[in-house]
Amino acid sequence: MKNKHGGNVSATTIKRIGTMTAQPDKGDELAAFAREIIMPALQMAEGCLSCELLRSQSDPNTIMIIEHWTSEAHHQASVKHIRPEDIQRVMGLLAGAPAGDYYHSLTLFQADHAE
């Protein structure tokens, strides 16, 4: 598999799955912030192979970001692409602290047919 820069994706890459829950009625603002600030910052970060932003169907105030990185260190360094004032802004939208953890892929299934 190739990364966005044309290099090979190693079996030692990691996934970062993070969730954020907005204060009541702030879900649209949080989703917009994630689309407009977080996703572009991750896209420009060295070592970011892919990133997917999801919004909960059962709780529209909750979003999840699934990130694929060449290393945990690359993920941790990516915060430099988000301005401190933007970090403060998003913290003001949240109902609590963001949650997240790192994962190693055990298996991947990709359908070879279109639906």
N, C-alpha and C. Protein backbone atom coordinates (compact mmCIF):
# COMPACT_ATOMS: atom_id res chain seq x y z
N MET A 1 0.84 -1.17 0.00
CA MET A 1 0.00 0.00 0.00
C MET A 1 0.89 1.24 0.00
N LYS A 2 0.48 2.27 -0.72
CA LYS A 2 1.24 3.52 -0.82
C LYS A 2 0.60 4.60 0.04
N ASN A 3 1.45 5.47 0.63
CA ASN A 3 0.91 6.61 1.38
C ASN A 3 0.68 7.77 0.42
N LYS A 4 0.20 8.92 0.95
CA LYS A 4 -0.14 10.05 0.10
C LYS A 4 1.08 10.67 -0.57
N HIS A 5 2.28 10.34 -0.07
CA HIS A 5 3.51 10.87 -0.65
C HIS A 5 4.17 9.88 -1.61
N GLY A 6 3.51 8.73 -1.86
CA GLY A 6 4.03 7.75 -2.79
C GLY A 6 4.91 6.69 -2.16
N GLY A 7 5.18 6.80 -0.85
CA GLY A 7 6.00 5.81 -0.16
C GLY A 7 5.17 4.61 0.27
N ASN A 8 5.85 3.56 0.66
CA ASN A 8 5.16 2.37 1.13
C ASN A 8 4.69 2.54 2.56
N VAL A 9 3.52 1.97 2.86
CA VAL A 9 2.99 1.98 4.21
C VAL A 9 3.52 0.73 4.92
N SER A 10 4.15 0.94 6.04
CA SER A 10 4.76 -0.15 6.80
C SER A 10 3.73 -0.85 7.67
N ALA A 11 4.01 -2.09 8.00
CA ALA A 11 3.16 -2.84 8.92
C ALA A 11 3.22 -2.27 10.32
N THR A 12 4.18 -1.39 10.58
CA THR A 12 4.32 -0.83 11.92
C THR A 12 3.63 0.53 12.06
N THR A 13 2.85 0.93 11.07
CA THR A 13 2.12 2.18 11.20
C THR A 13 1.08 2.05 12.31
N ILE A 14 0.60 3.19 12.78
CA ILE A 14 -0.38 3.18 13.86
C ILE A 14 -1.63 3.94 13.45
N LYS A 15 -2.71 3.64 14.14
CA LYS A 15 -3.95 4.39 14.00
C LYS A 15 -4.18 5.13 15.30
N ARG A 16 -4.68 6.33 15.19
CA ARG A 16 -5.08 7.13 16.34
C ARG A 16 -6.58 7.35 16.19
N ILE A 17 -7.34 6.95 17.20
CA ILE A 17 -8.78 7.16 17.19
C ILE A 17 -9.10 8.11 18.33
N GLY A 18 -9.65 9.25 17.98
CA GLY A 18 -9.97 10.27 18.97
C GLY A 18 -11.43 10.65 18.90
N THR A 19 -11.99 10.99 20.04
CA THR A 19 -13.37 11.46 20.09
C THR A 19 -13.44 12.78 20.84
N MET A 20 -14.36 13.61 20.41
CA MET A 20 -14.65 14.86 21.08
C MET A 20 -16.16 15.02 21.14
N THR A 21 -16.65 15.46 22.28
CA THR A 21 -18.08 15.71 22.44
C THR A 21 -18.28 17.18 22.76
N ALA A 22 -19.12 17.81 21.97
CA ALA A 22 -19.41 19.23 22.14
C ALA A 22 -20.43 19.44 23.25
N GLN A 23 -20.43 20.65 23.77
CA GLN A 23 -21.49 21.06 24.68
C GLN A 23 -22.82 20.98 23.92
N PRO A 24 -23.94 20.88 24.66
CA PRO A 24 -25.24 20.82 23.98
C PRO A 24 -25.40 21.95 22.95
N ASP A 25 -25.90 21.58 21.80
CA ASP A 25 -26.16 22.50 20.69
C ASP A 25 -24.90 23.12 20.08
N LYS A 26 -23.73 22.55 20.34
CA LYS A 26 -22.48 23.05 19.76
C LYS A 26 -21.89 22.04 18.76
N GLY A 27 -22.65 20.97 18.47
CA GLY A 27 -22.15 19.93 17.57
C GLY A 27 -21.82 20.43 16.18
N ASP A 28 -22.65 21.32 15.63
CA ASP A 28 -22.37 21.86 14.30
C ASP A 28 -21.08 22.68 14.30
N GLU A 29 -20.87 23.47 15.36
CA GLU A 29 -19.64 24.26 15.47
C GLU A 29 -18.41 23.37 15.59
N LEU A 30 -18.54 22.30 16.38
CA LEU A 30 -17.42 21.38 16.55
C LEU A 30 -17.10 20.68 15.23
N ALA A 31 -18.14 20.22 14.52
CA ALA A 31 -17.92 19.54 13.24
C ALA A 31 -17.27 20.50 12.24
N ALA A 32 -17.72 21.74 12.20
CA ALA A 32 -17.12 22.73 11.30
C ALA A 32 -15.67 22.99 11.67
N PHE A 33 -15.38 23.10 12.96
CA PHE A 33 -14.01 23.32 13.41
C PHE A 33 -13.13 22.15 12.97
N ALA A 34 -13.62 20.94 13.15
CA ALA A 34 -12.83 19.77 12.76
C ALA A 34 -12.57 19.76 11.26
N ARG A 35 -13.59 20.08 10.46
CA ARG A 35 -13.42 20.11 8.99
C ARG A 35 -12.47 21.22 8.54
N GLU A 36 -12.61 22.40 9.14
CA GLU A 36 -11.91 23.58 8.65
C GLU A 36 -10.53 23.80 9.27
N ILE A 37 -10.30 23.29 10.49
CA ILE A 37 -9.03 23.52 11.19
C ILE A 37 -8.24 22.23 11.37
N ILE A 38 -8.87 21.23 11.98
CA ILE A 38 -8.14 20.00 12.32
C ILE A 38 -7.75 19.21 11.07
N MET A 39 -8.70 18.95 10.19
CA MET A 39 -8.41 18.12 9.02
C MET A 39 -7.32 18.72 8.13
N PRO A 40 -7.37 20.01 7.79
CA PRO A 40 -6.27 20.58 6.99
C PRO A 40 -4.92 20.51 7.70
N ALA A 41 -4.93 20.70 9.02
CA ALA A 41 -3.67 20.63 9.78
C ALA A 41 -3.09 19.22 9.71
N LEU A 42 -3.94 18.22 9.84
CA LEU A 42 -3.47 16.84 9.76
C LEU A 42 -2.99 16.51 8.35
N GLN A 43 -3.68 17.02 7.36
CA GLN A 43 -3.31 16.74 5.97
C GLN A 43 -1.91 17.25 5.66
N MET A 44 -1.51 18.38 6.26
CA MET A 44 -0.18 18.93 5.98
C MET A 44 0.90 18.34 6.89
N ALA A 45 0.51 17.60 7.90
CA ALA A 45 1.48 17.07 8.86
C ALA A 45 2.29 15.92 8.26
N GLU A 46 3.59 15.97 8.49
CA GLU A 46 4.46 14.88 8.05
C GLU A 46 4.07 13.60 8.78
N GLY A 47 3.98 12.52 8.05
CA GLY A 47 3.69 11.22 8.65
C GLY A 47 2.22 10.87 8.70
N CYS A 48 1.33 11.79 8.32
CA CYS A 48 -0.11 11.48 8.30
C CYS A 48 -0.42 10.80 6.98
N LEU A 49 -0.88 9.56 7.05
CA LEU A 49 -1.17 8.78 5.85
C LEU A 49 -2.61 8.93 5.40
N SER A 50 -3.52 9.08 6.37
CA SER A 50 -4.93 9.29 6.05
C SER A 50 -5.65 9.75 7.31
N CYS A 51 -6.83 10.29 7.10
CA CYS A 51 -7.61 10.79 8.22
C CYS A 51 -9.08 10.78 7.81
N GLU A 52 -9.94 10.33 8.71
CA GLU A 52 -11.38 10.30 8.44
C GLU A 52 -12.11 10.94 9.61
N LEU A 53 -13.02 11.84 9.29
CA LEU A 53 -13.82 12.53 10.29
C LEU A 53 -15.22 11.94 10.26
N LEU A 54 -15.70 11.51 11.43
CA LEU A 54 -17.02 10.90 11.54
C LEU A 54 -17.86 11.67 12.56
N ARG A 55 -19.18 11.66 12.36
CA ARG A 55 -20.10 12.28 13.33
C ARG A 55 -21.11 11.22 13.74
N SER A 56 -21.35 11.12 15.03
CA SER A 56 -22.25 10.11 15.56
C SER A 56 -23.68 10.34 15.07
N GLN A 57 -24.33 9.27 14.65
CA GLN A 57 -25.74 9.35 14.27
C GLN A 57 -26.64 9.48 15.49
N SER A 58 -26.24 8.85 16.59
CA SER A 58 -27.08 8.87 17.79
C SER A 58 -26.84 10.09 18.66
N ASP A 59 -25.67 10.73 18.54
CA ASP A 59 -25.36 11.94 19.31
C ASP A 59 -24.60 12.91 18.40
N PRO A 60 -25.31 13.81 17.73
CA PRO A 60 -24.66 14.71 16.79
C PRO A 60 -23.68 15.69 17.42
N ASN A 61 -23.57 15.69 18.73
CA ASN A 61 -22.56 16.51 19.40
C ASN A 61 -21.22 15.80 19.50
N THR A 62 -21.15 14.53 19.06
CA THR A 62 -19.92 13.74 19.18
C THR A 62 -19.32 13.47 17.80
N ILE A 63 -18.02 13.74 17.70
CA ILE A 63 -17.28 13.41 16.48
C ILE A 63 -16.14 12.47 16.82
N MET A 64 -15.71 11.73 15.82
CA MET A 64 -14.58 10.82 15.95
C MET A 64 -13.64 11.09 14.77
N ILE A 65 -12.36 11.07 15.06
CA ILE A 65 -11.36 11.21 14.01
C ILE A 65 -10.49 9.96 14.01
N ILE A 66 -10.45 9.28 12.88
CA ILE A 66 -9.61 8.09 12.73
C ILE A 66 -8.43 8.50 11.85
N GLU A 67 -7.24 8.47 12.44
CA GLU A 67 -6.03 8.93 11.77
C GLU A 67 -5.07 7.75 11.58
N HIS A 68 -4.37 7.73 10.47
CA HIS A 68 -3.38 6.69 10.17
C HIS A 68 -2.03 7.39 10.05
N TRP A 69 -1.07 6.99 10.89
CA TRP A 69 0.22 7.67 10.99
C TRP A 69 1.37 6.69 10.79
N THR A 70 2.50 7.24 10.33
CA THR A 70 3.70 6.42 10.21
C THR A 70 4.27 6.10 11.59
N SER A 71 3.99 6.97 12.58
CA SER A 71 4.46 6.71 13.95
C SER A 71 3.68 7.57 14.94
N GLU A 72 3.71 7.15 16.18
CA GLU A 72 3.10 7.92 17.26
C GLU A 72 3.77 9.29 17.38
N ALA A 73 5.08 9.33 17.20
CA ALA A 73 5.82 10.60 17.29
C ALA A 73 5.34 11.59 16.23
N HIS A 74 5.05 11.10 15.02
CA HIS A 74 4.53 11.99 13.98
C HIS A 74 3.19 12.58 14.40
N HIS A 75 2.33 11.75 14.98
CA HIS A 75 1.04 12.28 15.44
C HIS A 75 1.25 13.35 16.50
N GLN A 76 2.10 13.07 17.46
CA GLN A 76 2.32 14.02 18.55
C GLN A 76 2.91 15.33 18.03
N ALA A 77 3.73 15.27 17.00
CA ALA A 77 4.31 16.48 16.43
C ALA A 77 3.31 17.28 15.61
N SER A 78 2.21 16.67 15.21
CA SER A 78 1.25 17.34 14.33
C SER A 78 0.54 18.50 15.00
N VAL A 79 0.52 18.54 16.31
CA VAL A 79 -0.18 19.62 17.01
C VAL A 79 0.41 20.99 16.66
N LYS A 80 1.65 21.02 16.23
CA LYS A 80 2.28 22.30 15.87
C LYS A 80 1.59 22.97 14.69
N HIS A 81 0.78 22.22 13.94
CA HIS A 81 0.07 22.77 12.80
C HIS A 81 -1.26 23.43 13.19
N ILE A 82 -1.61 23.36 14.48
CA ILE A 82 -2.84 24.00 14.97
C ILE A 82 -2.44 25.14 15.89
N ARG A 83 -2.90 26.32 15.58
CA ARG A 83 -2.54 27.51 16.36
C ARG A 83 -3.08 27.41 17.78
N PRO A 84 -2.34 27.91 18.77
CA PRO A 84 -2.79 27.86 20.17
C PRO A 84 -4.17 28.48 20.37
N GLU A 85 -4.47 29.56 19.66
CA GLU A 85 -5.78 30.18 19.82
C GLU A 85 -6.90 29.29 19.28
N ASP A 86 -6.59 28.46 18.27
CA ASP A 86 -7.59 27.51 17.77
C ASP A 86 -7.80 26.38 18.77
N ILE A 87 -6.74 25.96 19.43
CA ILE A 87 -6.88 24.93 20.48
C ILE A 87 -7.76 25.47 21.60
N GLN A 88 -7.53 26.71 22.01
CA GLN A 88 -8.37 27.32 23.05
C GLN A 88 -9.82 27.42 22.58
N ARG A 89 -10.01 27.78 21.33
CA ARG A 89 -11.37 27.90 20.79
C ARG A 89 -12.12 26.57 20.84
N VAL A 90 -11.47 25.49 20.42
CA VAL A 90 -12.16 24.20 20.42
C VAL A 90 -12.41 23.72 21.84
N MET A 91 -11.50 23.99 22.75
CA MET A 91 -11.72 23.57 24.14
C MET A 91 -12.97 24.24 24.71
N GLY A 92 -13.28 25.46 24.25
CA GLY A 92 -14.48 26.15 24.69
C GLY A 92 -15.76 25.55 24.15
N LEU A 93 -15.67 24.75 23.10
CA LEU A 93 -16.84 24.09 22.53
C LEU A 93 -17.14 22.74 23.19
N LEU A 94 -16.14 22.17 23.85
CA LEU A 94 -16.25 20.79 24.33
C LEU A 94 -16.96 20.67 25.67
N ALA A 95 -17.67 19.55 25.82
CA ALA A 95 -18.35 19.22 27.07
C ALA A 95 -17.38 18.61 28.08
N GLY A 96 -16.27 18.11 27.62
CA GLY A 96 -15.25 17.48 28.47
C GLY A 96 -13.96 17.35 27.67
N ALA A 97 -12.98 16.74 28.28
CA ALA A 97 -11.69 16.58 27.62
C ALA A 97 -11.81 15.63 26.42
N PRO A 98 -11.07 15.90 25.34
CA PRO A 98 -11.05 14.95 24.23
C PRO A 98 -10.46 13.62 24.70
N ALA A 99 -10.88 12.54 24.06
CA ALA A 99 -10.36 11.21 24.41
C ALA A 99 -9.74 10.61 23.16
N GLY A 100 -8.73 9.77 23.36
CA GLY A 100 -8.12 9.12 22.21
C GLY A 100 -7.08 8.10 22.64
N ASP A 101 -6.75 7.22 21.72
CA ASP A 101 -5.75 6.20 21.98
C ASP A 101 -5.14 5.77 20.65
N TYR A 102 -4.01 5.07 20.75
CA TYR A 102 -3.29 4.55 19.59
C TYR A 102 -3.60 3.07 19.43
N TYR A 103 -3.67 2.62 18.16
CA TYR A 103 -3.99 1.23 17.86
C TYR A 103 -3.08 0.72 16.75
N HIS A 104 -2.77 -0.57 16.81
CA HIS A 104 -2.09 -1.27 15.72
C HIS A 104 -3.15 -2.09 15.02
N SER A 105 -3.12 -2.09 13.71
CA SER A 105 -4.08 -2.85 12.92
C SER A 105 -3.75 -4.34 13.01
N LEU A 106 -4.74 -5.14 13.30
CA LEU A 106 -4.56 -6.59 13.33
C LEU A 106 -4.97 -7.21 12.00
N THR A 107 -5.98 -6.64 11.38
CA THR A 107 -6.43 -7.13 10.08
C THR A 107 -7.24 -6.03 9.41
N LEU A 108 -7.32 -6.09 8.10
CA LEU A 108 -8.06 -5.11 7.33
C LEU A 108 -8.82 -5.83 6.24
N PHE A 109 -10.09 -5.56 6.14
CA PHE A 109 -10.90 -6.11 5.07
C PHE A 109 -11.32 -4.96 4.16
N GLN A 110 -11.09 -5.12 2.88
CA GLN A 110 -11.56 -4.16 1.90
C GLN A 110 -12.31 -4.93 0.83
N ALA A 111 -13.56 -4.55 0.63
CA ALA A 111 -14.37 -5.21 -0.39
C ALA A 111 -13.80 -4.92 -1.77
N ASP A 112 -13.84 -5.91 -2.62
CA ASP A 112 -13.33 -5.71 -3.97
C ASP A 112 -14.46 -5.49 -4.97
N HIS A 113 -15.63 -5.15 -4.45
CA HIS A 113 -16.77 -4.87 -5.32
C HIS A 113 -17.42 -3.56 -4.91
N ALA A 114 -18.05 -2.92 -5.85
CA ALA A 114 -18.74 -1.65 -5.57
C ALA A 114 -20.19 -1.94 -5.23
N GLU A 115 -20.72 -1.13 -4.35
CA GLU A 115 -22.14 -1.29 -4.00
C GLU A 115 -22.92 -0.09 -4.44
